[in-house]
């Protein structure tokens, strides 16, 4: 039986552990805290699931595969993890990121519809279309309960035979140092998220990201209200899920951040930025109280492409997923399992090394 050590039980590490445990690998899943712990980017209350990725076809196709995986995970978990509420892209540029997304989705036969700005009133309890050129409606997109999905995936991996070890791991000569002891396996995968830069030389920047949820009336809830993204304004949100309030927050990268001990309080400037946006698009919510807030972090490469790279024989880095990686986890697990089995090489886009900055894969068109 082939053996693997997966370090990090965020959604990527847990999904890979589950996939491998179910395909006759002996799996050790190492996590320094607990799956779904609040320091993980994977432990945000929610994440958006969407096929639109600008002009990039690869990720659009990949998400369509992942969507089936999310549905199967839901069935196995016996609870709702994904709310197919749809997503409305609020396009300010008539021929920008959203237009490129629409062309790709239509070419791939992924459901979408281009609408007039005034049509937003049919989807939101209140909507001000000022400054928009058009709307792009993605009906199969929506919102996943991120923290719960991470916990469920890790639990299913353990049920499938993976051993979950709670420990802080360090790399050493192709193996993993756990509690002062070096452990080896046929493959080692480091899926350590924002902790990767302290362990390896990797083209990753870790930033502090504040998420805000506002107290709103019942009509501002999922699934009745769709998710929304304003690419040009770098702003996104969705209706209330699980009673924590309507998410409405900036997607602009924050300042440098240390994930283990960094402050877990949101910045007042972020709250003000959110209120300014709400006042423009959903004005009755501009003074809504913040019901819940959370600090997570992004670990992004300059071009937002992922890292799937072998650094030594049998030792793999898996990262750079923050911002748009969570949604792909079920499909990514199958893809990486194929890499570890020698069925295919990872695409060149996932290499280590110098990368040219690009915002084409992000939901944020505005740089910090």
Protein backbone atom coordinates (compact mmCIF):
# COMPACT_ATOMS: atom_id res chain seq x y z
CA UNK A 1 0.00 0.00 0.00
CA UNK A 2 1.33 3.43 -0.94
CA UNK A 3 1.73 5.90 1.90
CA UNK A 4 1.30 9.66 2.07
CA UNK A 5 1.62 12.35 4.71
CA UNK A 6 -0.62 15.36 4.08
CA UNK A 7 0.30 18.34 6.24
CA UNK A 8 -2.56 20.77 6.74
CA UNK A 9 -6.25 19.95 7.16
CA UNK A 10 -7.75 22.94 5.43
CA UNK A 11 -10.16 22.18 2.62
CA UNK A 12 -7.38 21.27 0.18
CA UNK A 13 -5.48 19.00 2.54
CA UNK A 14 -8.62 17.37 3.92
CA UNK A 15 -10.08 16.81 0.43
CA UNK A 16 -6.84 15.23 -0.78
CA UNK A 17 -6.63 13.03 2.32
CA UNK A 18 -10.19 11.85 1.71
CA UNK A 19 -9.55 11.10 -1.94
CA UNK A 20 -6.36 9.16 -1.25
CA UNK A 21 -7.77 7.23 1.71
CA UNK A 22 -10.57 6.02 -0.53
CA UNK A 23 -8.16 4.88 -3.24
CA UNK A 24 -5.95 2.52 -1.22
CA UNK A 25 -3.39 4.92 0.14
CA UNK A 26 -2.27 4.83 3.75
CA UNK A 27 -2.87 8.43 4.76
CA UNK A 28 -1.58 10.46 7.68
CA UNK A 29 -3.24 13.88 7.92
CA UNK A 30 -1.33 16.28 10.16
CA UNK A 31 -2.96 19.42 11.55
CA UNK A 32 -1.47 21.63 14.24
CA UNK A 33 -4.87 22.75 15.54
CA UNK A 34 -8.17 21.17 14.47
CA UNK A 35 -9.82 20.93 11.05
CA UNK A 36 -11.89 24.07 10.64
CA UNK A 37 -10.00 26.04 13.30
CA UNK A 38 -10.59 29.77 13.02
CA UNK A 39 -7.03 30.61 11.96
CA UNK A 40 -7.53 28.73 8.68
CA UNK A 41 -8.65 30.59 5.60
CA UNK A 42 -10.83 27.50 5.07
CA UNK A 43 -12.65 28.28 8.31
CA UNK A 44 -14.44 31.36 7.06
CA UNK A 45 -18.17 30.91 7.56
CA UNK A 46 -18.77 30.90 3.80
CA UNK A 47 -17.08 30.90 0.43
CA UNK A 48 -18.46 31.73 -3.00
CA UNK A 49 -18.68 29.03 -5.65
CA UNK A 50 -18.64 30.28 -9.25
CA UNK A 51 -17.58 29.21 -12.72
CA UNK A 52 -16.69 32.70 -14.02
CA UNK A 53 -12.93 33.29 -14.13
CA UNK A 54 -12.59 36.06 -16.70
CA UNK A 55 -11.04 34.80 -19.93
CA UNK A 56 -9.60 31.64 -18.35
CA UNK A 57 -11.31 28.45 -19.59
CA UNK A 58 -9.29 25.99 -17.48
CA UNK A 59 -10.71 27.09 -14.13
CA UNK A 60 -14.24 27.41 -15.50
CA UNK A 61 -14.16 23.78 -16.64
CA UNK A 62 -12.48 22.72 -13.41
CA UNK A 63 -15.18 24.33 -11.27
CA UNK A 64 -17.87 22.55 -13.26
CA UNK A 65 -16.22 19.25 -12.23
CA UNK A 66 -15.89 20.46 -8.64
CA UNK A 67 -19.58 21.30 -8.45
CA UNK A 68 -20.48 17.64 -8.88
CA UNK A 69 -18.00 16.83 -6.13
CA UNK A 70 -19.67 19.28 -3.76
CA UNK A 71 -23.03 17.69 -4.40
CA UNK A 72 -21.67 14.22 -3.71
CA UNK A 73 -20.04 15.48 -0.52
CA UNK A 74 -23.37 16.89 0.60
CA UNK A 75 -25.08 13.57 0.02
CA UNK A 76 -22.47 11.74 2.03
CA UNK A 77 -22.57 14.26 4.84
CA UNK A 78 -26.34 14.14 5.04
CA UNK A 79 -26.55 17.90 5.48
CA UNK A 80 -26.71 20.96 3.28
CA UNK A 81 -23.31 22.44 2.62
CA UNK A 82 -23.96 24.28 -0.65
CA UNK A 83 -26.68 26.84 -1.30
CA UNK A 84 -27.22 27.16 -5.05
CA UNK A 85 -28.46 30.73 -4.70
CA UNK A 86 -26.94 31.94 -7.96
CA UNK A 87 -24.48 34.78 -8.40
CA UNK A 88 -24.91 38.20 -9.93
CA UNK A 89 -21.83 39.86 -11.39
CA UNK A 90 -22.20 43.64 -11.35
CA UNK A 91 -20.32 44.83 -14.42
CA UNK A 92 -19.14 48.44 -14.52
CA UNK A 93 -16.93 47.98 -17.60
CA UNK A 94 -18.94 47.13 -20.77
CA UNK A 95 -16.07 45.04 -22.16
CA UNK A 96 -14.15 44.00 -19.07
CA UNK A 97 -13.72 40.95 -16.84
CA UNK A 98 -17.41 40.07 -16.75
CA UNK A 99 -17.79 40.24 -20.53
CA UNK A 100 -14.82 37.91 -20.94
CA UNK A 101 -16.41 35.56 -18.39
CA UNK A 102 -19.70 35.56 -20.26
CA UNK A 103 -17.98 34.59 -23.53
CA UNK A 104 -16.12 31.71 -21.87
CA UNK A 105 -19.15 30.38 -20.01
CA UNK A 106 -21.28 30.44 -23.15
CA UNK A 107 -18.55 28.67 -25.14
CA UNK A 108 -18.45 25.95 -22.47
CA UNK A 109 -22.26 25.67 -22.24
CA UNK A 110 -22.17 26.68 -18.58
CA UNK A 111 -25.47 28.41 -17.74
CA UNK A 112 -25.30 32.19 -17.65
CA UNK A 113 -27.34 35.17 -18.82
CA UNK A 114 -26.49 38.78 -19.57
CA UNK A 115 -29.08 41.14 -18.11
CA UNK A 116 -29.79 44.85 -18.02
CA UNK A 117 -28.74 46.70 -14.83
CA UNK A 118 -32.36 47.40 -13.90
CA UNK A 119 -33.05 43.65 -13.84
CA UNK A 120 -31.20 43.48 -10.52
CA UNK A 121 -34.41 44.57 -8.83
CA UNK A 122 -35.86 41.14 -9.57
CA UNK A 123 -33.13 39.41 -7.57
CA UNK A 124 -32.43 41.64 -4.57
CA UNK A 125 -34.85 43.12 -2.01
CA UNK A 126 -33.40 46.50 -2.92
CA UNK A 127 -31.00 47.41 -5.71
CA UNK A 128 -29.48 50.58 -7.12
CA UNK A 129 -27.96 49.96 -10.58
CA UNK A 130 -26.14 53.29 -10.96
CA UNK A 131 -22.83 53.04 -12.79
CA UNK A 132 -23.38 49.50 -14.09
CA UNK A 133 -23.14 48.54 -17.77
CA UNK A 134 -24.80 45.14 -17.43
CA UNK A 135 -25.34 42.18 -15.09
CA UNK A 136 -24.02 38.66 -15.59
CA UNK A 137 -26.25 36.04 -13.97
CA UNK A 138 -24.72 32.68 -13.04
CA UNK A 139 -27.63 30.53 -11.80
CA UNK A 140 -25.61 27.47 -10.75
CA UNK A 141 -23.21 29.48 -8.59
CA UNK A 142 -23.78 30.11 -4.92
CA UNK A 143 -22.49 29.88 -1.37
CA UNK A 144 -20.82 27.00 0.47
CA UNK A 145 -20.68 26.71 4.27
CA UNK A 146 -16.89 26.71 4.31
CA UNK A 147 -15.96 25.92 7.88
CA UNK A 148 -18.55 23.16 8.16
CA UNK A 149 -17.51 21.70 4.79
CA UNK A 150 -13.88 21.56 5.98
CA UNK A 151 -14.86 19.77 9.19
CA UNK A 152 -17.08 17.31 7.33
CA UNK A 153 -14.39 16.52 4.75
CA UNK A 154 -11.76 15.85 7.40
CA UNK A 155 -14.17 13.63 9.34
CA UNK A 156 -14.98 11.62 6.19
CA UNK A 157 -11.24 11.21 5.54
CA UNK A 158 -10.79 9.73 9.00
CA UNK A 159 -13.80 7.47 8.47
CA UNK A 160 -12.19 6.30 5.22
CA UNK A 161 -9.06 5.27 7.10
CA UNK A 162 -6.86 8.37 7.30
CA UNK A 163 -5.05 8.90 10.58
CA UNK A 164 -5.50 12.44 11.90
CA UNK A 165 -2.50 13.60 13.93
CA UNK A 166 -2.62 16.86 15.80
CA UNK A 167 0.90 18.24 15.78
CA UNK A 168 3.05 21.02 14.38
CA UNK A 169 5.05 19.63 11.47
CA UNK A 170 8.37 20.71 9.98
CA UNK A 171 10.11 19.53 6.80
CA UNK A 172 13.31 17.48 7.11
CA UNK A 173 15.21 15.57 4.39
CA UNK A 174 12.18 14.43 2.46
CA UNK A 175 10.25 13.56 5.59
CA UNK A 176 8.20 15.33 8.24
CA UNK A 177 9.29 16.13 11.77
CA UNK A 178 6.35 15.51 14.10
CA UNK A 179 6.87 15.99 17.85
CA UNK A 180 10.64 15.72 17.39
CA UNK A 181 10.43 12.50 15.39
CA UNK A 182 11.05 12.26 11.64
CA UNK A 183 8.34 10.37 9.78
CA UNK A 184 8.59 9.36 6.13
CA UNK A 185 6.20 8.16 3.45
CA UNK A 186 6.14 7.49 -0.28
CA UNK A 187 4.73 10.98 -0.80
CA UNK A 188 4.59 14.08 1.39
CA UNK A 189 2.20 16.92 0.54
CA UNK A 190 2.50 20.27 2.27
CA UNK A 191 -0.92 21.96 2.09
CA UNK A 192 -0.19 24.50 4.78
CA UNK A 193 -1.93 27.59 3.41
CA UNK A 194 -0.70 30.83 4.94
CA UNK A 195 1.95 28.92 6.93
CA UNK A 196 3.75 27.81 3.74
CA UNK A 197 6.11 30.82 3.41
CA UNK A 198 7.67 30.12 6.81
CA UNK A 199 8.45 26.54 5.74
CA UNK A 200 9.44 26.86 2.08
CA UNK A 201 10.64 29.33 -0.52
CA UNK A 202 7.43 29.93 -2.42
CA UNK A 203 5.97 32.86 -4.40
CA UNK A 204 3.28 33.57 -1.80
CA UNK A 205 2.14 36.75 -0.09
CA UNK A 206 0.02 36.43 3.04
CA UNK A 207 -2.43 39.26 3.73
CA UNK A 208 -4.97 40.04 6.43
CA UNK A 209 -8.56 39.85 5.19
CA UNK A 210 -11.48 41.18 7.22
CA UNK A 211 -14.91 39.70 6.58
CA UNK A 212 -18.08 41.44 7.71
CA UNK A 213 -21.64 40.21 8.18
CA UNK A 214 -24.44 42.72 8.77
CA UNK A 215 -27.71 42.29 10.63
CA UNK A 216 -30.46 42.42 7.99
CA UNK A 217 -34.19 41.70 7.61
CA UNK A 218 -35.24 38.17 6.69
CA UNK A 219 -35.64 38.93 2.98
CA UNK A 220 -31.86 39.43 2.73
CA UNK A 221 -31.23 35.72 3.24
CA UNK A 222 -29.92 32.81 1.19
CA UNK A 223 -31.34 31.14 -0.88
CA UNK A 224 -33.88 33.87 -1.65
CA UNK A 225 -31.11 36.39 -2.32
CA UNK A 226 -28.19 35.55 -4.62
CA UNK A 227 -24.52 36.21 -4.06
CA UNK A 228 -23.02 39.23 -5.81
CA UNK A 229 -19.59 40.38 -6.95
CA UNK A 230 -18.57 43.81 -8.20
CA UNK A 231 -15.20 43.08 -9.81
CA UNK A 232 -14.24 46.69 -10.54
CA UNK A 233 -15.06 47.78 -6.99
CA UNK A 234 -13.45 44.67 -5.46
CA UNK A 235 -16.55 44.06 -3.38
CA UNK A 236 -18.65 40.96 -2.84
CA UNK A 237 -21.28 39.45 -0.60
CA UNK A 238 -24.30 37.22 -0.17
CA UNK A 239 -27.44 36.92 1.91
CA UNK A 240 -27.63 35.66 5.46
CA UNK A 241 -26.59 32.02 5.94
CA UNK A 242 -27.03 30.29 9.31
CA UNK A 243 -28.05 33.48 11.07
CA UNK A 244 -24.66 35.22 11.04
CA UNK A 245 -25.90 38.08 8.86
CA UNK A 246 -25.48 39.24 5.28
CA UNK A 247 -21.88 39.09 4.13
CA UNK A 248 -20.73 42.33 2.50
CA UNK A 249 -17.01 42.94 2.38
CA UNK A 250 -14.08 44.24 0.38
CA UNK A 251 -11.91 41.81 -1.58
CA UNK A 252 -8.92 44.14 -1.80
CA UNK A 253 -5.83 42.45 -0.38
CA UNK A 254 -5.00 43.69 3.12
CA UNK A 255 -1.62 44.29 4.70
CA UNK A 256 1.01 41.64 5.46
CA UNK A 257 -0.15 39.16 8.07
CA UNK A 258 1.19 36.42 10.32
CA UNK A 259 -1.56 33.79 10.60
CA UNK A 260 -0.65 32.10 13.85
CA UNK A 261 -0.50 35.11 16.18
CA UNK A 262 -1.76 38.02 14.09
CA UNK A 263 -4.57 40.17 15.52
CA UNK A 264 -8.05 38.77 14.97
CA UNK A 265 -9.93 42.06 15.08
CA UNK A 266 -11.25 43.78 11.97
CA UNK A 267 -10.14 47.28 11.00
CA UNK A 268 -12.52 50.21 11.31
CA UNK A 269 -11.53 51.33 7.80
CA UNK A 270 -12.88 48.08 6.39
CA UNK A 271 -16.23 48.59 8.08
CA UNK A 272 -16.43 52.10 6.69
CA UNK A 273 -15.54 50.87 3.20
CA UNK A 274 -18.34 48.31 3.38
CA UNK A 275 -20.88 50.89 4.54
CA UNK A 276 -19.90 53.19 1.69
CA UNK A 277 -20.51 50.43 -0.82
CA UNK A 278 -23.83 49.40 0.76
CA UNK A 279 -25.00 53.00 0.66
CA UNK A 280 -24.41 53.08 -3.08
CA UNK A 281 -25.91 49.71 -4.01
CA UNK A 282 -28.28 48.72 -1.16
CA UNK A 283 -28.84 52.03 0.66
CA UNK A 284 -31.27 50.81 3.32
CA UNK A 285 -28.45 48.63 4.71
CA UNK A 286 -25.84 51.38 5.04
CA UNK A 287 -26.44 51.77 8.77
CA UNK A 288 -27.05 48.08 9.52
CA UNK A 289 -25.08 46.91 12.56
CA UNK A 290 -22.17 44.52 12.13
CA UNK A 291 -23.52 41.24 13.49
CA UNK A 292 -20.46 39.07 12.98
CA UNK A 293 -16.90 39.71 11.84
CA UNK A 294 -13.95 37.46 11.23
CA UNK A 295 -10.31 37.82 10.24
CA UNK A 296 -8.82 35.26 7.89
CA UNK A 297 -5.95 35.54 5.44
CA UNK A 298 -5.13 35.13 1.81
CA UNK A 299 -2.02 33.27 0.69
CA UNK A 300 -1.77 34.38 -2.93
CA UNK A 301 0.75 34.06 -5.71
CA UNK A 302 1.27 37.18 -7.87
CA UNK A 303 -0.85 35.75 -10.69
CA UNK A 304 -3.33 33.90 -8.39
CA UNK A 305 -2.39 30.61 -10.05
CA UNK A 306 -1.96 27.75 -7.58
CA UNK A 307 1.22 25.96 -6.57
CA UNK A 308 1.37 22.24 -7.32
CA UNK A 309 5.08 21.54 -7.42
CA UNK A 310 7.59 18.87 -6.42
CA UNK A 311 10.47 20.34 -4.43
CA UNK A 312 12.32 17.06 -3.81
CA UNK A 313 11.60 13.47 -4.85
CA UNK A 314 8.15 12.65 -3.49
CA UNK A 315 7.74 16.01 -1.71
CA UNK A 316 5.00 18.29 -3.02
CA UNK A 317 3.79 21.79 -2.25
CA UNK A 318 0.09 22.49 -2.65
CA UNK A 319 -0.92 26.09 -2.05
CA UNK A 320 -1.70 29.57 -3.27
CA UNK A 321 -5.38 28.69 -3.05
CA UNK A 322 -6.77 31.63 -1.11
CA UNK A 323 -9.33 33.84 -2.78
CA UNK A 324 -10.50 31.42 -5.45
CA UNK A 325 -9.24 27.95 -4.49
CA UNK A 326 -11.80 26.72 -1.97
CA UNK A 327 -14.49 26.19 -4.59
CA UNK A 328 -12.33 23.77 -6.58
CA UNK A 329 -11.38 21.44 -3.71
CA UNK A 330 -13.23 18.25 -4.74
CA UNK A 331 -11.88 18.38 -8.31
CA UNK A 332 -8.43 19.46 -7.16
CA UNK A 333 -8.17 16.42 -4.86
CA UNK A 334 -8.73 14.11 -7.83
CA UNK A 335 -6.27 16.10 -9.95
CA UNK A 336 -3.50 16.00 -7.35
CA UNK A 337 -4.16 12.33 -6.62
CA UNK A 338 -3.45 11.70 -10.30
CA UNK A 339 -0.20 13.64 -10.00
CA UNK A 340 0.89 11.62 -6.97
CA UNK A 341 0.00 8.37 -8.77
CA UNK A 342 2.12 9.39 -11.76
CA UNK A 343 -0.86 9.53 -14.11
CA UNK A 344 -0.04 13.06 -15.30
CA UNK A 345 2.20 16.00 -14.60
CA UNK A 346 0.76 19.19 -13.09
CA UNK A 347 0.04 21.94 -15.59
CA UNK A 348 2.93 24.35 -16.12
CA UNK A 349 0.84 27.18 -14.68
CA UNK A 350 1.36 25.67 -11.21
CA UNK A 351 5.16 25.81 -11.25
CA UNK A 352 7.36 27.44 -8.65
CA UNK A 353 9.43 30.42 -9.70
CA UNK A 354 8.89 33.96 -10.87
CA UNK A 355 5.35 34.87 -11.91
CA UNK A 356 4.03 37.98 -13.60
CA UNK A 357 1.40 39.83 -11.53
CA UNK A 358 -2.13 39.40 -12.86
CA UNK A 359 -5.66 39.89 -11.51
CA UNK A 360 -7.50 37.81 -14.09
CA UNK A 361 -8.47 34.98 -11.72
CA UNK A 362 -9.50 37.06 -8.73
CA UNK A 363 -12.89 38.57 -7.95
CA UNK A 364 -10.97 41.72 -7.11
CA UNK A 365 -10.01 44.06 -9.93
CA UNK A 366 -8.48 46.61 -7.58
CA UNK A 367 -4.94 46.24 -6.24
CA UNK A 368 -4.07 47.46 -2.77
